[in-house]
Amino acid sequence: DERYKVASGGVLACYLLYQSLMARRRAFDPVGVVVWHKLAGAFAPVVFYLHASRFAPGYLLLLSSVFLGTVGLGLLHRPILRSRARRLYAWWFVLHLVTSSVLVVLSAYHVVIALAYE
């Protein structure tokens, strides 16, 4: 059970790392990288469920909420682009980046806490 948690957490960490490195890769292939980022984002709930099949109290609830909120914001990408509202897109983009950054920080905290009490 503990080995599964560590292994699935490693997969989830690699997934988050892949998604968070999009900004650097975007300079080389702006269109293709966004397509792969969206495709990987579509699988986010599956990757998350494989690691955590239930919600936990405390900061883990916050971590889960931020993760699913970031995925939800990602799903709003196409409707916001169709609205052609530049200001709305700017706010969406900033909010998506902020929640993604908070997600990475909370995930790192979770790794430290989880491995410290293993």
N, C-alpha and C. Protein backbone atom coordinates (compact mmCIF):
# COMPACT_ATOMS: atom_id res chain seq x y z
N ASP A 1 0.82 -1.19 0.00
CA ASP A 1 0.00 0.00 0.00
C ASP A 1 0.87 1.26 0.00
N GLU A 2 1.88 1.29 0.86
CA GLU A 2 2.77 2.46 0.92
C GLU A 2 3.58 2.60 -0.37
N ARG A 3 4.03 1.47 -0.91
CA ARG A 3 4.79 1.52 -2.16
C ARG A 3 3.93 2.03 -3.30
N TYR A 4 2.65 1.64 -3.31
CA TYR A 4 1.73 2.13 -4.34
C TYR A 4 1.55 3.63 -4.23
N LYS A 5 1.41 4.14 -3.00
CA LYS A 5 1.25 5.58 -2.80
C LYS A 5 2.47 6.34 -3.29
N VAL A 6 3.65 5.82 -2.98
CA VAL A 6 4.88 6.49 -3.42
C VAL A 6 5.01 6.42 -4.95
N ALA A 7 4.73 5.25 -5.53
CA ALA A 7 4.85 5.10 -6.98
C ALA A 7 3.82 5.96 -7.71
N SER A 8 2.57 5.94 -7.27
CA SER A 8 1.54 6.74 -7.94
C SER A 8 1.79 8.23 -7.69
N GLY A 9 2.32 8.57 -6.54
CA GLY A 9 2.70 9.96 -6.27
C GLY A 9 3.83 10.41 -7.17
N GLY A 10 4.78 9.52 -7.44
CA GLY A 10 5.86 9.84 -8.38
C GLY A 10 5.33 10.08 -9.78
N VAL A 11 4.37 9.26 -10.19
CA VAL A 11 3.75 9.46 -11.52
C VAL A 11 3.02 10.79 -11.55
N LEU A 12 2.28 11.10 -10.49
CA LEU A 12 1.57 12.37 -10.42
C LEU A 12 2.54 13.55 -10.41
N ALA A 13 3.65 13.41 -9.70
CA ALA A 13 4.66 14.47 -9.67
C ALA A 13 5.28 14.68 -11.06
N CYS A 14 5.56 13.59 -11.76
CA CYS A 14 6.07 13.71 -13.13
C CYS A 14 5.05 14.37 -14.04
N TYR A 15 3.80 14.03 -13.85
CA TYR A 15 2.72 14.66 -14.64
C TYR A 15 2.69 16.16 -14.39
N LEU A 16 2.73 16.57 -13.11
CA LEU A 16 2.71 18.00 -12.78
C LEU A 16 3.95 18.71 -13.32
N LEU A 17 5.09 18.05 -13.27
CA LEU A 17 6.31 18.64 -13.80
C LEU A 17 6.19 18.83 -15.31
N TYR A 18 5.67 17.82 -15.99
CA TYR A 18 5.47 17.92 -17.44
C TYR A 18 4.56 19.09 -17.78
N GLN A 19 3.46 19.21 -17.06
CA GLN A 19 2.52 20.29 -17.35
C GLN A 19 3.11 21.66 -17.01
N SER A 20 3.87 21.74 -15.93
CA SER A 20 4.39 23.04 -15.51
C SER A 20 5.56 23.53 -16.37
N LEU A 21 6.21 22.64 -17.09
CA LEU A 21 7.32 23.05 -17.96
C LEU A 21 6.84 23.52 -19.33
N MET A 22 5.54 23.66 -19.49
CA MET A 22 5.00 24.07 -20.78
C MET A 22 5.51 25.44 -21.22
N ALA A 23 5.67 26.36 -20.31
CA ALA A 23 6.10 27.72 -20.67
C ALA A 23 7.45 27.71 -21.39
N ARG A 24 8.36 26.90 -20.91
CA ARG A 24 9.68 26.83 -21.53
C ARG A 24 9.60 26.20 -22.93
N ARG A 25 8.81 25.15 -23.05
CA ARG A 25 8.67 24.47 -24.34
C ARG A 25 7.88 25.29 -25.35
N ARG A 26 7.04 26.17 -24.86
CA ARG A 26 6.17 26.96 -25.74
C ARG A 26 6.97 27.88 -26.66
N ALA A 27 8.16 28.26 -26.28
CA ALA A 27 8.99 29.13 -27.11
C ALA A 27 9.42 28.44 -28.39
N PHE A 28 9.52 27.11 -28.37
CA PHE A 28 10.00 26.37 -29.53
C PHE A 28 8.88 25.90 -30.44
N ASP A 29 7.73 25.54 -29.88
CA ASP A 29 6.61 25.01 -30.67
C ASP A 29 5.31 25.48 -30.03
N PRO A 30 4.91 26.74 -30.28
CA PRO A 30 3.76 27.30 -29.56
C PRO A 30 2.45 26.54 -29.77
N VAL A 31 2.17 26.08 -30.97
CA VAL A 31 0.89 25.43 -31.24
C VAL A 31 0.90 23.98 -30.75
N GLY A 32 1.93 23.23 -31.10
CA GLY A 32 2.00 21.83 -30.74
C GLY A 32 2.04 21.59 -29.26
N VAL A 33 2.75 22.44 -28.53
CA VAL A 33 2.87 22.27 -27.09
C VAL A 33 1.52 22.51 -26.41
N VAL A 34 0.79 23.49 -26.88
CA VAL A 34 -0.52 23.76 -26.28
C VAL A 34 -1.46 22.58 -26.51
N VAL A 35 -1.38 21.97 -27.68
CA VAL A 35 -2.22 20.80 -27.96
C VAL A 35 -1.89 19.67 -26.99
N TRP A 36 -0.61 19.39 -26.78
CA TRP A 36 -0.20 18.32 -25.86
C TRP A 36 -0.54 18.68 -24.42
N HIS A 37 -0.44 19.97 -24.06
CA HIS A 37 -0.79 20.43 -22.72
C HIS A 37 -2.28 20.19 -22.45
N LYS A 38 -3.11 20.52 -23.44
CA LYS A 38 -4.56 20.30 -23.29
C LYS A 38 -4.89 18.82 -23.22
N LEU A 39 -4.24 18.02 -24.04
CA LEU A 39 -4.49 16.58 -24.03
C LEU A 39 -4.09 15.97 -22.69
N ALA A 40 -2.94 16.36 -22.19
CA ALA A 40 -2.51 15.87 -20.88
C ALA A 40 -3.44 16.37 -19.79
N GLY A 41 -3.94 17.60 -19.93
CA GLY A 41 -4.88 18.15 -18.96
C GLY A 41 -6.18 17.37 -18.91
N ALA A 42 -6.58 16.82 -20.05
CA ALA A 42 -7.81 16.03 -20.09
C ALA A 42 -7.67 14.75 -19.26
N PHE A 43 -6.46 14.26 -19.12
CA PHE A 43 -6.23 13.05 -18.33
C PHE A 43 -5.91 13.34 -16.87
N ALA A 44 -5.92 14.61 -16.48
CA ALA A 44 -5.59 14.99 -15.11
C ALA A 44 -6.47 14.30 -14.06
N PRO A 45 -7.78 14.27 -14.24
CA PRO A 45 -8.60 13.59 -13.21
C PRO A 45 -8.27 12.10 -13.06
N VAL A 46 -7.92 11.45 -14.15
CA VAL A 46 -7.57 10.02 -14.09
C VAL A 46 -6.27 9.84 -13.31
N VAL A 47 -5.27 10.65 -13.62
CA VAL A 47 -3.99 10.56 -12.92
C VAL A 47 -4.18 10.86 -11.44
N PHE A 48 -4.99 11.86 -11.16
CA PHE A 48 -5.27 12.22 -9.77
C PHE A 48 -5.99 11.09 -9.04
N TYR A 49 -6.97 10.50 -9.68
CA TYR A 49 -7.75 9.43 -9.06
C TYR A 49 -6.90 8.19 -8.78
N LEU A 50 -5.95 7.91 -9.66
CA LEU A 50 -5.08 6.76 -9.43
C LEU A 50 -4.23 6.92 -8.17
N HIS A 51 -3.95 8.17 -7.81
CA HIS A 51 -3.15 8.42 -6.61
C HIS A 51 -4.03 8.60 -5.37
N ALA A 52 -5.12 9.31 -5.51
CA ALA A 52 -5.97 9.62 -4.36
C ALA A 52 -7.43 9.38 -4.74
N SER A 53 -7.94 8.25 -4.32
CA SER A 53 -9.31 7.90 -4.69
C SER A 53 -10.35 8.52 -3.76
N ARG A 54 -9.91 9.19 -2.70
CA ARG A 54 -10.87 9.86 -1.80
C ARG A 54 -10.23 11.15 -1.30
N PHE A 55 -11.08 12.07 -0.86
CA PHE A 55 -10.60 13.33 -0.32
C PHE A 55 -10.22 13.15 1.14
N ALA A 56 -9.28 13.92 1.58
CA ALA A 56 -8.83 13.87 2.98
C ALA A 56 -9.03 15.26 3.58
N PRO A 57 -9.08 15.37 4.90
CA PRO A 57 -9.27 16.68 5.52
C PRO A 57 -7.98 17.50 5.52
N GLY A 58 -8.12 18.76 5.89
CA GLY A 58 -6.98 19.63 6.06
C GLY A 58 -6.38 20.12 4.75
N TYR A 59 -5.07 20.21 4.74
CA TYR A 59 -4.40 20.75 3.56
C TYR A 59 -4.57 19.84 2.35
N LEU A 60 -4.84 18.56 2.55
CA LEU A 60 -5.06 17.66 1.41
C LEU A 60 -6.36 18.00 0.69
N LEU A 61 -7.35 18.47 1.44
CA LEU A 61 -8.59 18.94 0.81
C LEU A 61 -8.29 20.19 -0.01
N LEU A 62 -7.46 21.07 0.54
CA LEU A 62 -7.06 22.27 -0.21
C LEU A 62 -6.27 21.88 -1.45
N LEU A 63 -5.34 20.95 -1.31
CA LEU A 63 -4.54 20.48 -2.44
C LEU A 63 -5.44 19.88 -3.52
N SER A 64 -6.37 19.04 -3.13
CA SER A 64 -7.30 18.43 -4.09
C SER A 64 -8.16 19.48 -4.77
N SER A 65 -8.63 20.44 -4.00
CA SER A 65 -9.48 21.50 -4.56
C SER A 65 -8.71 22.36 -5.56
N VAL A 66 -7.48 22.70 -5.23
CA VAL A 66 -6.66 23.50 -6.15
C VAL A 66 -6.37 22.70 -7.41
N PHE A 67 -6.08 21.42 -7.27
CA PHE A 67 -5.82 20.58 -8.44
C PHE A 67 -7.03 20.54 -9.36
N LEU A 68 -8.18 20.20 -8.79
CA LEU A 68 -9.39 20.10 -9.61
C LEU A 68 -9.84 21.47 -10.11
N GLY A 69 -9.61 22.53 -9.33
CA GLY A 69 -9.93 23.89 -9.79
C GLY A 69 -9.07 24.31 -10.97
N THR A 70 -7.81 23.94 -10.93
CA THR A 70 -6.91 24.25 -12.05
C THR A 70 -7.34 23.51 -13.30
N VAL A 71 -7.73 22.25 -13.14
CA VAL A 71 -8.24 21.48 -14.28
C VAL A 71 -9.52 22.12 -14.81
N GLY A 72 -10.41 22.52 -13.91
CA GLY A 72 -11.65 23.18 -14.31
C GLY A 72 -11.40 24.47 -15.05
N LEU A 73 -10.43 25.24 -14.59
CA LEU A 73 -10.08 26.47 -15.30
C LEU A 73 -9.55 26.15 -16.70
N GLY A 74 -8.78 25.09 -16.80
CA GLY A 74 -8.27 24.69 -18.10
C GLY A 74 -9.39 24.34 -19.06
N LEU A 75 -10.46 23.76 -18.53
CA LEU A 75 -11.59 23.40 -19.38
C LEU A 75 -12.32 24.63 -19.93
N LEU A 76 -12.15 25.77 -19.28
CA LEU A 76 -12.79 27.00 -19.75
C LEU A 76 -12.03 27.68 -20.87
N HIS A 77 -10.90 27.14 -21.27
CA HIS A 77 -10.06 27.78 -22.29
C HIS A 77 -10.80 28.05 -23.59
N ARG A 78 -11.41 27.05 -24.15
CA ARG A 78 -12.08 27.20 -25.45
C ARG A 78 -13.27 28.17 -25.38
N PRO A 79 -14.17 28.06 -24.39
CA PRO A 79 -15.27 29.04 -24.34
C PRO A 79 -14.79 30.48 -24.18
N ILE A 80 -13.71 30.67 -23.44
CA ILE A 80 -13.19 32.03 -23.26
C ILE A 80 -12.59 32.54 -24.56
N LEU A 81 -11.88 31.67 -25.29
CA LEU A 81 -11.33 32.09 -26.58
C LEU A 81 -12.43 32.44 -27.57
N ARG A 82 -13.50 31.67 -27.55
CA ARG A 82 -14.62 31.94 -28.47
C ARG A 82 -15.31 33.25 -28.18
N SER A 83 -15.29 33.68 -26.92
CA SER A 83 -15.94 34.95 -26.56
C SER A 83 -15.19 36.16 -27.11
N ARG A 84 -13.93 35.96 -27.48
CA ARG A 84 -13.08 37.01 -28.03
C ARG A 84 -12.95 38.23 -27.11
N ALA A 85 -13.09 38.00 -25.83
CA ALA A 85 -12.93 39.07 -24.84
C ALA A 85 -11.49 39.01 -24.31
N ARG A 86 -10.67 39.94 -24.76
CA ARG A 86 -9.25 39.93 -24.38
C ARG A 86 -9.06 40.05 -22.87
N ARG A 87 -9.84 40.90 -22.24
CA ARG A 87 -9.70 41.11 -20.80
C ARG A 87 -10.06 39.84 -20.03
N LEU A 88 -11.14 39.17 -20.45
CA LEU A 88 -11.53 37.92 -19.81
C LEU A 88 -10.45 36.86 -20.00
N TYR A 89 -9.88 36.79 -21.20
CA TYR A 89 -8.81 35.83 -21.45
C TYR A 89 -7.59 36.13 -20.58
N ALA A 90 -7.26 37.40 -20.43
CA ALA A 90 -6.10 37.78 -19.60
C ALA A 90 -6.33 37.36 -18.15
N TRP A 91 -7.53 37.59 -17.63
CA TRP A 91 -7.83 37.18 -16.25
C TRP A 91 -7.82 35.67 -16.11
N TRP A 92 -8.38 34.99 -17.10
CA TRP A 92 -8.38 33.52 -17.06
C TRP A 92 -6.95 32.99 -17.06
N PHE A 93 -6.11 33.52 -17.92
CA PHE A 93 -4.73 33.06 -18.05
C PHE A 93 -3.95 33.28 -16.76
N VAL A 94 -4.10 34.45 -16.17
CA VAL A 94 -3.41 34.76 -14.92
C VAL A 94 -3.91 33.83 -13.80
N LEU A 95 -5.22 33.63 -13.72
CA LEU A 95 -5.78 32.76 -12.70
C LEU A 95 -5.32 31.31 -12.89
N HIS A 96 -5.25 30.86 -14.13
CA HIS A 96 -4.78 29.51 -14.40
C HIS A 96 -3.31 29.35 -14.00
N LEU A 97 -2.50 30.35 -14.29
CA LEU A 97 -1.09 30.30 -13.90
C LEU A 97 -0.91 30.35 -12.39
N VAL A 98 -1.69 31.19 -11.73
CA VAL A 98 -1.57 31.31 -10.27
C VAL A 98 -1.99 30.01 -9.60
N THR A 99 -3.13 29.44 -10.00
CA THR A 99 -3.56 28.19 -9.38
C THR A 99 -2.58 27.06 -9.69
N SER A 100 -2.00 27.08 -10.87
CA SER A 100 -1.00 26.06 -11.22
C SER A 100 0.24 26.21 -10.35
N SER A 101 0.66 27.43 -10.10
CA SER A 101 1.83 27.66 -9.25
C SER A 101 1.55 27.26 -7.80
N VAL A 102 0.38 27.61 -7.31
CA VAL A 102 -0.01 27.21 -5.97
C VAL A 102 -0.06 25.68 -5.86
N LEU A 103 -0.54 25.05 -6.92
CA LEU A 103 -0.61 23.59 -6.95
C LEU A 103 0.78 22.97 -6.83
N VAL A 104 1.75 23.51 -7.53
CA VAL A 104 3.11 22.98 -7.46
C VAL A 104 3.68 23.16 -6.05
N VAL A 105 3.45 24.31 -5.44
CA VAL A 105 3.96 24.55 -4.08
C VAL A 105 3.29 23.61 -3.08
N LEU A 106 1.97 23.50 -3.15
CA LEU A 106 1.26 22.59 -2.23
C LEU A 106 1.67 21.13 -2.46
N SER A 107 1.92 20.77 -3.70
CA SER A 107 2.36 19.40 -3.99
C SER A 107 3.73 19.12 -3.40
N ALA A 108 4.62 20.09 -3.51
CA ALA A 108 5.96 19.92 -2.92
C ALA A 108 5.85 19.79 -1.40
N TYR A 109 4.99 20.59 -0.79
CA TYR A 109 4.76 20.49 0.65
C TYR A 109 4.21 19.10 1.00
N HIS A 110 3.30 18.62 0.20
CA HIS A 110 2.71 17.30 0.44
C HIS A 110 3.77 16.19 0.34
N VAL A 111 4.66 16.31 -0.61
CA VAL A 111 5.73 15.31 -0.76
C VAL A 111 6.61 15.29 0.49
N VAL A 112 6.98 16.46 0.96
CA VAL A 112 7.82 16.54 2.16
C VAL A 112 7.12 15.93 3.36
N ILE A 113 5.86 16.30 3.56
CA ILE A 113 5.10 15.79 4.72
C ILE A 113 4.88 14.29 4.59
N ALA A 114 4.49 13.83 3.40
CA ALA A 114 4.20 12.40 3.20
C ALA A 114 5.44 11.54 3.40
N LEU A 115 6.57 11.99 2.88
CA LEU A 115 7.79 11.19 3.04
C LEU A 115 8.35 11.29 4.46
N ALA A 116 8.10 12.38 5.15
CA ALA A 116 8.60 12.52 6.51
C ALA A 116 7.86 11.58 7.46
N TYR A 117 6.60 11.31 7.19
CA TYR A 117 5.81 10.46 8.08
C TYR A 117 5.66 9.05 7.56
N GLU A 118 6.41 8.67 6.55
CA GLU A 118 6.32 7.32 6.00
C GLU A 118 7.03 6.33 6.87
